[in-house]
N, C-alpha and C. Protein backbone atom coordinates (compact mmCIF):
# COMPACT_ATOMS: atom_id res chain seq x y z
N MET A 1 71.08 14.88 15.52
CA MET A 1 70.77 14.50 14.44
C MET A 1 70.03 13.25 14.41
N PRO A 2 69.12 13.15 13.60
CA PRO A 2 68.48 11.84 13.91
C PRO A 2 69.16 10.77 13.06
N ARG A 3 68.85 9.51 13.06
CA ARG A 3 69.83 8.30 12.84
C ARG A 3 69.49 8.82 11.02
N SER A 4 68.46 8.94 10.41
CA SER A 4 68.29 9.11 9.13
C SER A 4 68.92 10.30 8.61
N GLY A 5 69.19 11.25 9.74
CA GLY A 5 69.80 12.61 8.96
C GLY A 5 71.38 12.21 8.89
N ARG A 6 71.74 11.59 10.00
CA ARG A 6 73.07 11.06 9.62
C ARG A 6 73.53 10.29 8.52
N ALA A 7 72.54 9.23 8.11
CA ALA A 7 72.96 8.39 7.11
C ALA A 7 72.76 9.28 5.91
N PHE A 8 71.84 10.25 5.65
CA PHE A 8 71.96 11.12 4.51
C PHE A 8 73.23 12.04 4.41
N PHE A 9 73.69 12.56 5.49
CA PHE A 9 74.97 13.32 5.83
C PHE A 9 76.25 12.21 5.40
N LEU A 10 76.24 11.36 5.90
CA LEU A 10 77.32 10.42 5.29
C LEU A 10 77.22 10.00 3.94
N ALA A 11 75.81 9.83 3.27
CA ALA A 11 76.04 9.44 1.89
C ALA A 11 76.43 10.42 1.02
N ALA A 12 75.80 12.08 1.25
CA ALA A 12 76.20 13.07 0.74
C ALA A 12 77.72 13.41 0.66
N LEU A 13 78.10 13.29 1.89
CA LEU A 13 79.86 13.41 2.02
C LEU A 13 80.40 12.43 1.38
N SER A 14 80.00 11.40 1.19
CA SER A 14 80.86 10.19 0.41
C SER A 14 80.68 10.63 -1.14
N TYR A 15 79.48 11.11 -1.61
CA TYR A 15 79.25 11.57 -3.08
C TYR A 15 80.09 12.82 -3.41
N GLY A 16 80.20 13.63 -2.36
CA GLY A 16 80.88 14.76 -2.33
C GLY A 16 82.72 14.55 -2.63
N LEU A 17 83.02 13.60 -1.92
CA LEU A 17 84.58 13.12 -2.02
C LEU A 17 84.34 12.57 -3.19
N LEU A 18 83.80 11.46 -3.54
CA LEU A 18 83.78 10.87 -5.03
C LEU A 18 83.86 12.06 -6.02
N PHE A 19 82.92 13.04 -6.14
CA PHE A 19 82.88 13.93 -7.06
C PHE A 19 84.18 14.81 -7.28
N SER A 20 84.51 15.45 -6.13
CA SER A 20 85.44 16.42 -5.88
C SER A 20 86.70 15.87 -6.26
N THR A 21 86.92 14.52 -6.14
CA THR A 21 88.53 13.78 -6.38
C THR A 21 88.30 13.40 -7.89
N SER A 22 87.25 13.25 -8.46
CA SER A 22 87.24 12.86 -9.80
C SER A 22 87.70 13.92 -10.53
N PHE A 23 87.23 15.08 -10.31
CA PHE A 23 87.53 16.24 -11.40
C PHE A 23 88.92 16.93 -10.68
N GLY A 24 89.46 16.64 -9.71
CA GLY A 24 90.92 17.29 -9.44
C GLY A 24 90.54 18.56 -8.86
N CYS A 25 89.37 18.72 -8.04
CA CYS A 25 89.07 19.90 -7.54
C CYS A 25 89.99 20.12 -6.11
N ARG A 26 90.31 21.00 -5.58
CA ARG A 26 90.91 21.01 -4.16
C ARG A 26 89.73 21.33 -3.17
N ARG A 27 88.85 20.58 -2.90
CA ARG A 27 87.85 21.05 -1.99
C ARG A 27 88.00 20.01 -0.86
N HIS A 28 87.38 20.62 0.02
CA HIS A 28 87.44 20.13 1.39
C HIS A 28 86.28 19.16 1.68
N PRO A 29 86.54 17.91 1.94
CA PRO A 29 85.42 17.00 2.27
C PRO A 29 84.73 17.50 3.33
N HIS A 30 85.21 17.91 4.47
CA HIS A 30 84.35 18.33 5.38
C HIS A 30 83.85 19.76 5.33
N LYS A 31 83.92 20.28 4.20
CA LYS A 31 83.34 21.39 3.68
C LYS A 31 81.95 21.19 3.04
N THR A 32 81.69 20.09 2.62
CA THR A 32 80.70 19.71 1.91
C THR A 32 79.11 20.16 2.73
N HIS A 33 79.24 20.16 3.68
CA HIS A 33 77.81 20.37 4.45
C HIS A 33 78.23 21.56 5.69
N PRO A 34 77.24 22.23 5.99
CA PRO A 34 77.52 23.20 7.23
C PRO A 34 78.02 22.55 8.30
N PRO A 35 78.54 23.05 9.41
CA PRO A 35 79.02 22.54 10.72
C PRO A 35 77.51 22.53 11.48
N SER A 36 77.37 21.40 12.47
CA SER A 36 76.12 21.46 12.89
C SER A 36 75.67 22.65 14.10
N ASP A 37 76.36 23.26 14.35
CA ASP A 37 76.32 24.49 15.08
C ASP A 37 75.53 25.56 14.21
N LEU A 38 75.80 25.48 12.88
CA LEU A 38 75.46 26.69 11.90
C LEU A 38 73.88 25.83 11.46
N GLN A 39 73.76 25.07 11.35
CA GLN A 39 72.48 24.19 10.60
C GLN A 39 71.02 24.70 11.18
N SER A 40 70.35 25.28 10.32
CA SER A 40 68.89 25.32 10.98
C SER A 40 68.08 24.11 11.28
N ASP A 41 66.99 24.30 11.47
CA ASP A 41 66.55 22.93 11.98
C ASP A 41 65.83 21.95 10.95
N ALA A 42 65.79 22.82 9.50
CA ALA A 42 65.76 22.02 8.36
C ALA A 42 67.02 21.32 7.98
N GLU A 43 67.07 20.33 7.74
CA GLU A 43 68.49 19.71 6.83
C GLU A 43 68.63 20.58 5.49
N ILE A 44 70.08 20.72 5.17
CA ILE A 44 70.15 21.54 3.93
C ILE A 44 70.54 20.49 2.90
N ALA A 45 69.64 20.63 1.87
CA ALA A 45 69.23 19.69 0.62
C ALA A 45 70.55 19.81 -0.33
N PRO A 46 71.06 18.58 -0.62
CA PRO A 46 72.28 18.71 -1.83
C PRO A 46 72.18 19.78 -2.59
N ALA A 47 71.24 20.10 -3.21
CA ALA A 47 71.15 21.09 -4.26
C ALA A 47 71.52 22.74 -3.54
N GLN A 48 71.47 22.75 -2.18
CA GLN A 48 71.89 24.00 -1.81
C GLN A 48 73.18 24.15 -1.29
N GLN A 49 74.16 22.93 -1.34
CA GLN A 49 75.54 23.13 -0.97
C GLN A 49 76.09 24.10 -1.63
N LEU A 50 77.08 24.35 -0.77
CA LEU A 50 78.08 25.33 -1.20
C LEU A 50 79.28 24.63 -1.75
N LYS A 51 80.08 25.51 -2.82
CA LYS A 51 81.20 24.95 -3.58
C LYS A 51 82.41 25.55 -3.11
N ILE A 52 83.30 25.02 -2.65
CA ILE A 52 84.60 25.65 -2.21
C ILE A 52 85.73 25.36 -2.92
N ASP A 53 86.69 26.27 -3.41
CA ASP A 53 87.71 25.85 -4.16
C ASP A 53 88.91 26.83 -3.64
N ASP A 54 89.92 25.97 -3.31
CA ASP A 54 91.13 26.52 -2.73
C ASP A 54 91.99 27.04 -3.87
N LEU A 55 92.27 28.48 -3.88
CA LEU A 55 93.00 28.88 -5.06
C LEU A 55 94.24 29.10 -4.31
N ARG A 56 94.53 29.34 -3.04
CA ARG A 56 96.00 28.99 -2.66
C ARG A 56 95.66 28.91 -1.40
N ILE A 57 96.49 27.82 -0.44
CA ILE A 57 96.48 27.44 0.71
C ILE A 57 97.37 28.38 1.63
N GLY A 58 96.98 29.05 2.48
CA GLY A 58 97.73 29.80 3.60
C GLY A 58 98.61 29.15 4.31
N ALA A 59 99.38 29.59 5.00
CA ALA A 59 100.46 28.81 6.09
C ALA A 59 100.17 29.43 7.47
N GLY A 60 99.31 30.46 7.54
CA GLY A 60 99.21 30.96 9.26
C GLY A 60 98.10 30.22 9.78
N LYS A 61 97.63 31.08 10.83
CA LYS A 61 96.47 30.25 11.84
C LYS A 61 95.18 30.12 10.81
N THR A 62 94.54 28.78 11.63
CA THR A 62 93.65 28.25 10.99
C THR A 62 92.38 29.10 11.51
N ALA A 63 91.04 29.34 10.71
CA ALA A 63 89.83 30.29 11.05
C ALA A 63 88.83 29.02 11.51
N ALA A 64 88.29 29.28 12.67
CA ALA A 64 87.27 28.41 13.09
C ALA A 64 86.14 29.29 14.09
N SER A 65 85.09 28.62 14.31
CA SER A 65 83.97 29.05 14.90
C SER A 65 84.45 29.96 16.08
N GLY A 66 84.11 31.31 16.29
CA GLY A 66 84.61 31.93 17.09
C GLY A 66 85.77 33.06 17.15
N SER A 67 86.34 32.86 15.83
CA SER A 67 87.50 33.69 15.57
C SER A 67 87.21 34.91 14.92
N MET A 68 88.02 36.00 15.29
CA MET A 68 87.31 37.31 14.77
C MET A 68 88.34 37.29 13.31
N VAL A 69 87.81 37.49 12.24
CA VAL A 69 88.64 37.19 11.09
C VAL A 69 88.69 38.44 10.40
N SER A 70 89.64 38.83 9.57
CA SER A 70 89.89 39.85 8.69
C SER A 70 89.97 39.40 7.07
N ILE A 71 89.26 39.67 6.43
CA ILE A 71 89.15 39.16 5.04
C ILE A 71 89.29 40.38 3.99
N ASP A 72 89.71 40.36 2.44
CA ASP A 72 89.39 40.61 1.71
C ASP A 72 88.55 39.92 0.60
N TYR A 73 87.61 40.32 0.00
CA TYR A 73 86.67 39.60 -0.88
C TYR A 73 86.52 40.45 -2.11
N THR A 74 86.16 39.59 -3.14
CA THR A 74 85.46 40.35 -3.92
C THR A 74 84.14 39.42 -4.51
N GLY A 75 82.92 40.14 -4.50
CA GLY A 75 81.72 39.24 -5.00
C GLY A 75 81.13 39.57 -6.42
N TRP A 76 80.56 38.32 -6.83
CA TRP A 76 80.01 38.54 -8.45
C TRP A 76 78.60 37.71 -8.27
N VAL A 77 77.76 38.43 -8.79
CA VAL A 77 76.31 37.85 -9.31
C VAL A 77 76.17 37.99 -10.67
N ASN A 78 75.72 36.79 -11.43
CA ASN A 78 75.63 36.57 -13.03
C ASN A 78 76.86 37.31 -13.66
N GLU A 79 77.86 37.09 -13.17
CA GLU A 79 79.32 37.35 -13.77
C GLU A 79 79.34 38.82 -13.73
N ALA A 80 78.80 39.61 -12.66
CA ALA A 80 79.14 41.08 -12.87
C ALA A 80 79.70 40.98 -11.22
N ARG A 81 80.67 41.82 -11.13
CA ARG A 81 81.20 42.24 -9.66
C ARG A 81 80.01 43.30 -9.05
N PHE A 82 79.72 42.72 -8.00
CA PHE A 82 78.55 43.61 -7.36
C PHE A 82 79.53 44.24 -5.84
N ASP A 83 80.57 43.79 -5.65
CA ASP A 83 81.15 44.30 -4.11
C ASP A 83 82.66 43.91 -4.06
N THR A 84 83.57 44.93 -3.19
CA THR A 84 84.76 44.20 -3.08
C THR A 84 85.54 45.09 -2.04
N THR A 85 86.35 44.66 -1.37
CA THR A 85 86.99 45.27 -0.25
C THR A 85 88.69 45.64 -0.64
N LEU A 86 88.74 45.56 -2.15
CA LEU A 86 90.30 45.44 -2.43
C LEU A 86 90.35 47.01 -2.56
N ASN A 87 89.27 47.85 -2.66
CA ASN A 87 89.75 49.30 -2.66
C ASN A 87 89.37 50.10 -1.35
N ARG A 88 89.17 49.41 0.01
CA ARG A 88 89.08 49.94 1.07
C ARG A 88 89.30 48.87 2.12
N ARG A 89 89.55 49.31 3.37
CA ARG A 89 89.89 48.26 4.43
C ARG A 89 89.17 47.04 4.16
N PRO A 90 89.90 45.62 4.85
CA PRO A 90 89.50 44.61 4.69
C PRO A 90 88.27 44.50 5.88
N LEU A 91 87.54 43.40 5.38
CA LEU A 91 86.10 43.25 6.06
C LEU A 91 86.46 42.63 7.52
N GLU A 92 86.02 42.93 8.82
CA GLU A 92 86.28 42.03 10.15
C GLU A 92 84.99 41.61 10.65
N PHE A 93 85.09 40.44 11.11
CA PHE A 93 83.69 40.00 11.81
C PHE A 93 84.10 38.77 12.71
N ARG A 94 83.21 38.33 13.44
CA ARG A 94 83.53 37.19 14.22
C ARG A 94 82.61 35.82 13.43
N LEU A 95 83.57 34.86 13.29
CA LEU A 95 82.64 33.52 12.54
C LEU A 95 81.88 32.92 13.54
N GLY A 96 80.73 32.54 13.17
CA GLY A 96 79.68 31.15 13.90
C GLY A 96 78.51 32.32 14.74
N LYS A 97 78.85 33.83 14.32
CA LYS A 97 77.97 34.71 15.09
C LYS A 97 76.69 35.01 14.46
N GLY A 98 76.58 34.55 12.99
CA GLY A 98 75.47 35.09 12.26
C GLY A 98 75.61 36.51 11.69
N GLU A 99 76.92 36.93 11.96
CA GLU A 99 77.09 38.28 11.36
C GLU A 99 77.03 38.71 9.67
N VAL A 100 77.32 37.54 9.10
CA VAL A 100 77.65 37.39 7.73
C VAL A 100 76.67 36.48 6.96
N LEU A 101 76.85 36.50 5.65
CA LEU A 101 76.18 35.17 4.79
C LEU A 101 76.34 33.95 5.43
N ARG A 102 75.51 33.16 5.29
CA ARG A 102 75.74 31.48 5.75
C ARG A 102 76.58 30.87 5.16
N GLY A 103 76.51 31.32 3.75
CA GLY A 103 77.67 30.63 3.20
C GLY A 103 78.97 31.25 3.19
N TRP A 104 79.28 32.09 3.76
CA TRP A 104 80.63 32.50 4.51
C TRP A 104 81.09 31.93 5.76
N GLU A 105 80.03 31.89 6.82
CA GLU A 105 79.69 31.36 8.08
C GLU A 105 80.59 29.47 7.55
N VAL A 106 79.95 29.26 6.56
CA VAL A 106 79.96 27.65 6.18
C VAL A 106 81.48 27.40 5.56
N GLY A 107 81.92 28.64 4.82
CA GLY A 107 83.17 28.42 4.01
C GLY A 107 84.29 28.68 4.41
N ILE A 108 84.27 29.90 5.35
CA ILE A 108 85.47 30.26 5.46
C ILE A 108 86.14 29.64 6.79
N PRO A 109 85.49 28.82 7.61
CA PRO A 109 86.24 28.08 8.90
C PRO A 109 87.23 26.89 8.13
N GLY A 110 88.33 26.74 8.38
CA GLY A 110 89.69 25.84 8.18
C GLY A 110 90.16 26.66 6.83
N MET A 111 90.07 27.91 6.70
CA MET A 111 91.17 28.40 5.94
C MET A 111 92.14 28.86 6.66
N ARG A 112 93.27 29.08 6.32
CA ARG A 112 94.66 29.48 7.06
C ARG A 112 94.91 30.91 6.67
N VAL A 113 95.41 31.94 7.35
CA VAL A 113 95.72 33.20 7.39
C VAL A 113 96.59 33.09 5.88
N GLY A 114 96.67 33.85 5.02
CA GLY A 114 97.38 33.84 3.59
C GLY A 114 96.62 33.09 2.66
N GLY A 115 95.60 32.23 2.72
CA GLY A 115 94.69 31.38 1.86
C GLY A 115 94.00 32.37 0.97
N LYS A 116 93.52 31.76 0.07
CA LYS A 116 92.34 32.50 -1.03
C LYS A 116 91.57 31.19 -1.40
N ARG A 117 90.13 31.56 -1.17
CA ARG A 117 88.94 30.43 -1.69
C ARG A 117 88.38 31.15 -2.38
N ARG A 118 87.57 30.41 -3.27
CA ARG A 118 86.35 30.88 -4.34
C ARG A 118 85.14 29.99 -3.63
N LEU A 119 84.21 30.77 -2.95
CA LEU A 119 82.96 30.32 -2.80
C LEU A 119 82.12 30.50 -3.56
N THR A 120 81.65 29.41 -3.96
CA THR A 120 80.10 29.40 -4.98
C THR A 120 78.90 29.05 -3.90
N ILE A 121 78.14 30.20 -3.74
CA ILE A 121 77.04 30.16 -2.90
C ILE A 121 75.73 29.87 -3.23
N PRO A 122 74.90 28.91 -2.90
CA PRO A 122 73.60 28.85 -3.45
C PRO A 122 72.65 29.85 -2.81
N PRO A 123 71.55 30.43 -3.39
CA PRO A 123 70.55 31.22 -3.00
C PRO A 123 70.41 31.23 -1.60
N GLU A 124 69.95 29.74 -0.71
CA GLU A 124 69.62 29.46 0.66
C GLU A 124 70.82 29.87 1.26
N LEU A 125 71.97 29.67 1.08
CA LEU A 125 73.06 30.25 2.18
C LEU A 125 73.47 31.72 1.55
N GLY A 126 72.86 32.50 0.57
CA GLY A 126 73.12 33.84 0.50
C GLY A 126 72.10 34.61 0.81
N TYR A 127 71.81 35.49 -0.14
CA TYR A 127 70.49 36.39 0.17
C TYR A 127 68.81 35.95 -0.10
N GLY A 128 68.94 34.49 -0.48
CA GLY A 128 67.76 33.80 -0.82
C GLY A 128 66.45 34.64 -1.83
N ALA A 129 65.35 33.93 -1.43
CA ALA A 129 64.13 34.94 -2.42
C ALA A 129 64.21 36.47 -2.30
N LYS A 130 64.59 37.21 -1.06
CA LYS A 130 64.52 38.28 -1.25
C LYS A 130 65.48 39.25 -2.35
N GLY A 131 66.53 38.71 -2.40
CA GLY A 131 67.62 39.24 -3.26
C GLY A 131 67.98 40.45 -2.25
N SER A 132 69.12 41.60 -2.35
CA SER A 132 69.71 42.36 -1.35
C SER A 132 70.20 43.40 -2.31
N LEU A 133 70.86 44.35 -1.57
CA LEU A 133 71.44 45.57 -1.57
C LEU A 133 70.86 46.53 -2.83
N GLY A 134 69.50 46.62 -2.47
CA GLY A 134 68.93 47.95 -3.41
C GLY A 134 68.65 47.15 -4.88
N GLY A 135 68.49 45.90 -4.80
CA GLY A 135 68.28 45.15 -6.35
C GLY A 135 69.34 44.81 -7.21
N ALA A 136 70.75 44.95 -6.51
CA ALA A 136 72.12 44.81 -7.09
C ALA A 136 71.93 43.29 -7.14
N ILE A 137 71.49 42.38 -6.24
CA ILE A 137 71.47 41.08 -6.14
C ILE A 137 69.96 40.70 -6.06
N PRO A 138 69.52 40.23 -7.15
CA PRO A 138 68.22 39.65 -7.55
C PRO A 138 68.20 38.48 -6.83
N PRO A 139 66.55 38.23 -6.56
CA PRO A 139 66.19 37.17 -5.60
C PRO A 139 66.67 35.99 -6.40
N ASN A 140 66.93 34.90 -5.32
CA ASN A 140 67.23 33.38 -5.87
C ASN A 140 68.91 33.34 -6.71
N SER A 141 69.53 34.20 -6.39
CA SER A 141 70.85 34.60 -7.28
C SER A 141 71.94 33.57 -6.14
N VAL A 142 72.66 32.91 -7.32
CA VAL A 142 74.03 32.03 -7.03
C VAL A 142 74.87 33.33 -6.93
N LEU A 143 75.82 33.08 -5.98
CA LEU A 143 76.81 34.14 -5.26
C LEU A 143 78.32 33.41 -5.44
N VAL A 144 79.04 34.31 -6.30
CA VAL A 144 80.74 33.59 -6.08
C VAL A 144 81.39 34.69 -5.57
N PHE A 145 82.24 34.47 -4.47
CA PHE A 145 83.18 35.26 -3.71
C PHE A 145 84.39 34.63 -3.81
N GLU A 146 85.44 35.80 -4.17
CA GLU A 146 86.64 35.23 -4.04
C GLU A 146 87.40 35.82 -2.72
N ILE A 147 87.62 34.92 -1.58
CA ILE A 147 88.19 35.42 -0.07
C ILE A 147 89.37 35.18 -0.05
N GLU A 148 90.33 36.37 0.39
CA GLU A 148 91.44 36.15 0.81
C GLU A 148 91.36 36.40 2.65
N LEU A 149 92.09 35.53 3.15
CA LEU A 149 92.10 35.66 4.73
C LEU A 149 93.27 36.11 5.19
N ARG A 150 93.07 37.59 5.79
CA ARG A 150 94.20 38.48 6.14
C ARG A 150 94.90 37.95 7.44
N ASP A 151 93.79 38.02 8.41
CA ASP A 151 94.25 38.02 9.80
C ASP A 151 93.10 37.32 10.65
N ILE A 152 93.74 36.80 11.93
CA ILE A 152 92.95 35.92 12.77
C ILE A 152 93.15 36.48 14.04
N ASP A 153 92.17 36.76 14.95
CA ASP A 153 92.19 37.00 16.34
C ASP A 153 91.34 35.75 17.15
N ARG A 154 92.04 35.18 17.57
CA ARG A 154 91.06 34.02 18.45
C ARG A 154 90.47 34.28 19.67
N GLN A 155 90.35 35.55 20.09
CA GLN A 155 89.62 35.87 21.16
C GLN A 155 88.14 35.70 20.71
N ARG A 156 87.59 35.34 22.00
CA ARG A 156 86.09 34.79 22.00
C ARG A 156 85.16 36.07 22.47
């Protein structure tokens, strides 16, 4: 990362820490920016940042890039639910491999098994300008997901 990029990152991180502690939000300061292994060539602007709220802290293993995770989730767009796994099997995928939304790739690492998080995902880390799911998600939509981490298999 170029020197100016690091300065921007540190300034944004400091602002995020100040902002999150001012409002009593259980936000992880290391989650205000995506990990460097998931960043694209362009820096992610502050307006594109993912909001992470821990609803319940788990006590099990911790999710990290390369982990095979099993999650239950419910997703909303414009305050309307568009998908959930609560009435079917949990979703399984490997973190850090680009198999899911970038907002999930950034927002799930650090969760512990048994934990539950609300991710508010900006369009740039979600479905972007194209939208998705046959029009169920309009272009440039902010998505909200509640994710519960069920299990982790660390095999890479």
